[in-house]
Protein backbone atom coordinates (compact mmCIF):
# COMPACT_ATOMS: atom_id res chain seq x y z
CA UNK A 1 -110.23 130.43 110.16
CA UNK A 2 -109.50 128.94 106.78
CA UNK A 3 -111.35 130.44 103.83
CA UNK A 4 -112.90 128.22 101.25
CA UNK A 5 -113.00 129.64 97.73
CA UNK A 6 -116.44 129.55 96.12
CA UNK A 7 -114.70 128.30 92.98
CA UNK A 8 -114.02 125.00 94.63
CA UNK A 9 -117.67 124.63 95.62
CA UNK A 10 -119.46 125.44 92.37
CA UNK A 11 -119.91 122.39 90.12
CA UNK A 12 -118.40 122.72 86.62
CA UNK A 13 -116.02 125.56 87.44
CA UNK A 14 -113.00 123.24 87.52
CA UNK A 15 -113.76 122.25 83.93
CA UNK A 16 -114.07 125.90 82.86
CA UNK A 17 -110.61 126.54 84.37
CA UNK A 18 -109.14 123.25 83.31
CA UNK A 19 -109.99 123.21 79.66
CA UNK A 20 -107.98 126.34 78.73
CA UNK A 21 -105.09 124.96 80.79
CA UNK A 22 -105.35 121.69 78.84
CA UNK A 23 -105.30 123.63 75.58
CA UNK A 24 -102.29 125.78 76.51
CA UNK A 25 -100.28 122.92 78.09
CA UNK A 26 -100.98 120.67 75.11
CA UNK A 27 -99.63 123.37 72.76
CA UNK A 28 -96.58 123.79 75.03
CA UNK A 29 -96.08 120.01 74.81
CA UNK A 30 -96.26 120.16 71.07
CA UNK A 31 -93.63 122.83 70.94
CA UNK A 32 -95.73 125.90 69.99
CA UNK A 33 -93.73 129.10 70.40
CA UNK A 34 -96.78 131.02 71.57
CA UNK A 35 -100.21 129.82 72.69
CA UNK A 36 -103.13 129.85 70.30
CA UNK A 37 -106.45 130.36 72.03
CA UNK A 38 -109.95 130.38 70.40
CA UNK A 39 -111.13 133.94 69.79
CA UNK A 40 -113.85 133.68 72.44
CA UNK A 41 -111.11 133.20 75.07
CA UNK A 42 -108.37 135.34 73.45
CA UNK A 43 -110.62 138.40 72.98
CA UNK A 44 -111.53 138.59 76.67
CA UNK A 45 -110.18 141.56 78.59
CA UNK A 46 -110.22 143.04 82.01
CA UNK A 47 -111.03 146.59 82.99
CA UNK A 48 -107.92 148.66 83.48
CA UNK A 49 -108.58 149.25 87.21
CA UNK A 50 -109.21 145.56 87.77
CA UNK A 51 -106.01 144.67 85.91
CA UNK A 52 -103.99 147.20 87.91
CA UNK A 53 -105.34 145.76 91.21
CA UNK A 54 -104.48 142.22 90.03
CA UNK A 55 -100.92 143.19 88.99
CA UNK A 56 -100.43 145.01 92.25
CA UNK A 57 -101.42 142.00 94.27
CA UNK A 58 -99.34 139.65 92.16
CA UNK A 59 -96.27 141.89 92.49
CA UNK A 60 -96.61 141.90 96.29
CA UNK A 61 -96.55 138.12 96.28
CA UNK A 62 -93.77 137.79 93.72
CA UNK A 63 -91.52 140.10 95.73
CA UNK A 64 -91.67 137.56 98.53
CA UNK A 65 -90.83 134.73 96.21
CA UNK A 66 -87.93 136.59 94.59
CA UNK A 67 -86.03 136.28 97.91
CA UNK A 68 -86.05 132.51 97.52
CA UNK A 69 -86.28 131.88 93.78
CA UNK A 70 -83.21 132.64 91.68
CA UNK A 71 -81.50 131.20 88.55
CA UNK A 72 -79.77 127.94 89.44
CA UNK A 73 -79.56 124.43 87.96
CA UNK A 74 -80.46 125.96 84.55
CA UNK A 75 -80.20 122.55 82.82
CA UNK A 76 -83.54 121.62 84.44
CA UNK A 77 -85.08 124.70 82.78
CA UNK A 78 -83.72 123.92 79.31
CA UNK A 79 -85.96 123.67 76.26
CA UNK A 80 -85.85 119.89 76.33
CA UNK A 81 -86.82 119.83 79.96
CA UNK A 82 -89.64 122.27 79.20
CA UNK A 83 -91.25 119.52 77.07
CA UNK A 84 -91.23 117.18 80.06
CA UNK A 85 -92.62 119.99 82.28
CA UNK A 86 -95.29 120.60 79.62
CA UNK A 87 -96.37 116.92 80.04
CA UNK A 88 -96.67 117.52 83.78
CA UNK A 89 -98.69 120.71 83.14
CA UNK A 90 -100.99 118.69 80.83
CA UNK A 91 -101.60 115.91 83.34
CA UNK A 92 -102.17 118.47 86.17
CA UNK A 93 -104.58 120.42 83.91
CA UNK A 94 -106.57 117.25 83.34
CA UNK A 95 -106.75 116.71 87.10
CA UNK A 96 -107.97 120.30 87.57
CA UNK A 97 -110.75 119.70 84.98
CA UNK A 98 -111.99 116.62 86.85
CA UNK A 99 -115.01 117.14 89.12
CA UNK A 100 -113.14 116.15 92.27
CA UNK A 101 -114.29 118.25 95.25
CA UNK A 102 -111.34 120.32 96.50
CA UNK A 103 -109.16 118.42 93.97
CA UNK A 104 -108.19 121.40 91.84
CA UNK A 105 -106.20 123.35 94.46
CA UNK A 106 -103.14 121.04 94.88
CA UNK A 107 -102.44 120.74 91.11
CA UNK A 108 -102.96 124.48 90.73
CA UNK A 109 -100.40 125.22 93.40
CA UNK A 110 -97.91 122.89 91.69
CA UNK A 111 -98.56 124.57 88.29
CA UNK A 112 -97.85 128.01 89.88
CA UNK A 113 -94.61 126.64 91.39
CA UNK A 114 -93.55 125.12 88.03
CA UNK A 115 -94.28 128.43 86.29
CA UNK A 116 -92.32 130.47 88.84
CA UNK A 117 -89.38 127.97 88.44
CA UNK A 118 -89.49 128.25 84.67
CA UNK A 119 -89.71 132.03 84.61
CA UNK A 120 -86.79 132.42 86.97
CA UNK A 121 -84.96 129.38 85.54
CA UNK A 122 -84.68 127.93 88.99
CA UNK A 123 -84.05 124.24 88.66
CA UNK A 124 -84.36 123.59 92.37
CA UNK A 125 -87.92 124.94 92.40
CA UNK A 126 -88.74 123.02 89.27
CA UNK A 127 -87.43 119.72 90.72
CA UNK A 128 -89.31 120.27 93.93
CA UNK A 129 -92.49 121.13 91.94
CA UNK A 130 -92.04 117.98 89.82
CA UNK A 131 -91.81 115.87 93.02
CA UNK A 132 -94.94 117.63 94.31
CA UNK A 133 -96.68 116.92 91.00
CA UNK A 134 -95.85 113.24 91.32
CA UNK A 135 -97.38 113.23 94.82
CA UNK A 136 -100.50 115.10 93.57
CA UNK A 137 -100.97 112.65 90.70
CA UNK A 138 -100.50 109.62 93.04
CA UNK A 139 -102.97 111.05 95.56
CA UNK A 140 -105.56 111.94 92.94
CA UNK A 141 -105.16 108.57 91.18
CA UNK A 142 -105.64 106.84 94.55
CA UNK A 143 -108.77 108.96 95.26
CA UNK A 144 -110.22 108.17 91.79
CA UNK A 145 -109.43 104.45 92.25
CA UNK A 146 -110.98 104.38 95.73
CA UNK A 147 -114.12 106.16 94.42
CA UNK A 148 -114.62 103.74 91.49
CA UNK A 149 -113.82 100.76 93.70
CA UNK A 150 -116.49 101.85 96.27
CA UNK A 151 -118.95 102.57 93.42
CA UNK A 152 -118.30 99.18 91.90
CA UNK A 153 -118.83 97.38 95.20
CA UNK A 154 -122.03 99.27 95.74
CA UNK A 155 -123.30 98.47 92.27
CA UNK A 156 -122.31 94.84 92.76
CA UNK A 157 -124.19 94.68 96.09
CA UNK A 158 -127.28 96.15 94.43
CA UNK A 159 -127.12 93.60 91.61
CA UNK A 160 -126.65 90.76 94.06
CA UNK A 161 -129.61 91.92 96.07
CA UNK A 162 -131.85 92.34 93.07
CA UNK A 163 -130.92 89.13 91.28
CA UNK A 164 -130.49 86.85 94.32
């Protein structure tokens, strides 16, 4: 059975996650060498035990990915390409911040893939993630367009009913 994260079901959580992503990706886009975060975010910390558990779980996952991900096509991971990737991060972060039910998972997966590709300087992974990002943006734009089109038609019907 598939598990549904409570994060995707609680209203407003996507904005809480998306806004720091927007801030960091915007700074990356502007060429900052290291991220600047407001003190209320930067001063947060985890308990040592929680941090160790998190790192252990992440390392288990990363060991699997290291069999596939390796340095190749390094031109795609160049500093100039990183600015383009930062723009993609920024767009995906905005999508994550939008209140679209279950709409934050696909861009989050693409961001993770882009990060792994950048860390390992794997141009193949980066190119595949960029293609996936284009698909995510197209799907989300279509969903937003469909929502507003339906809303507009509904509002128009209400006005026609009231004023006819």
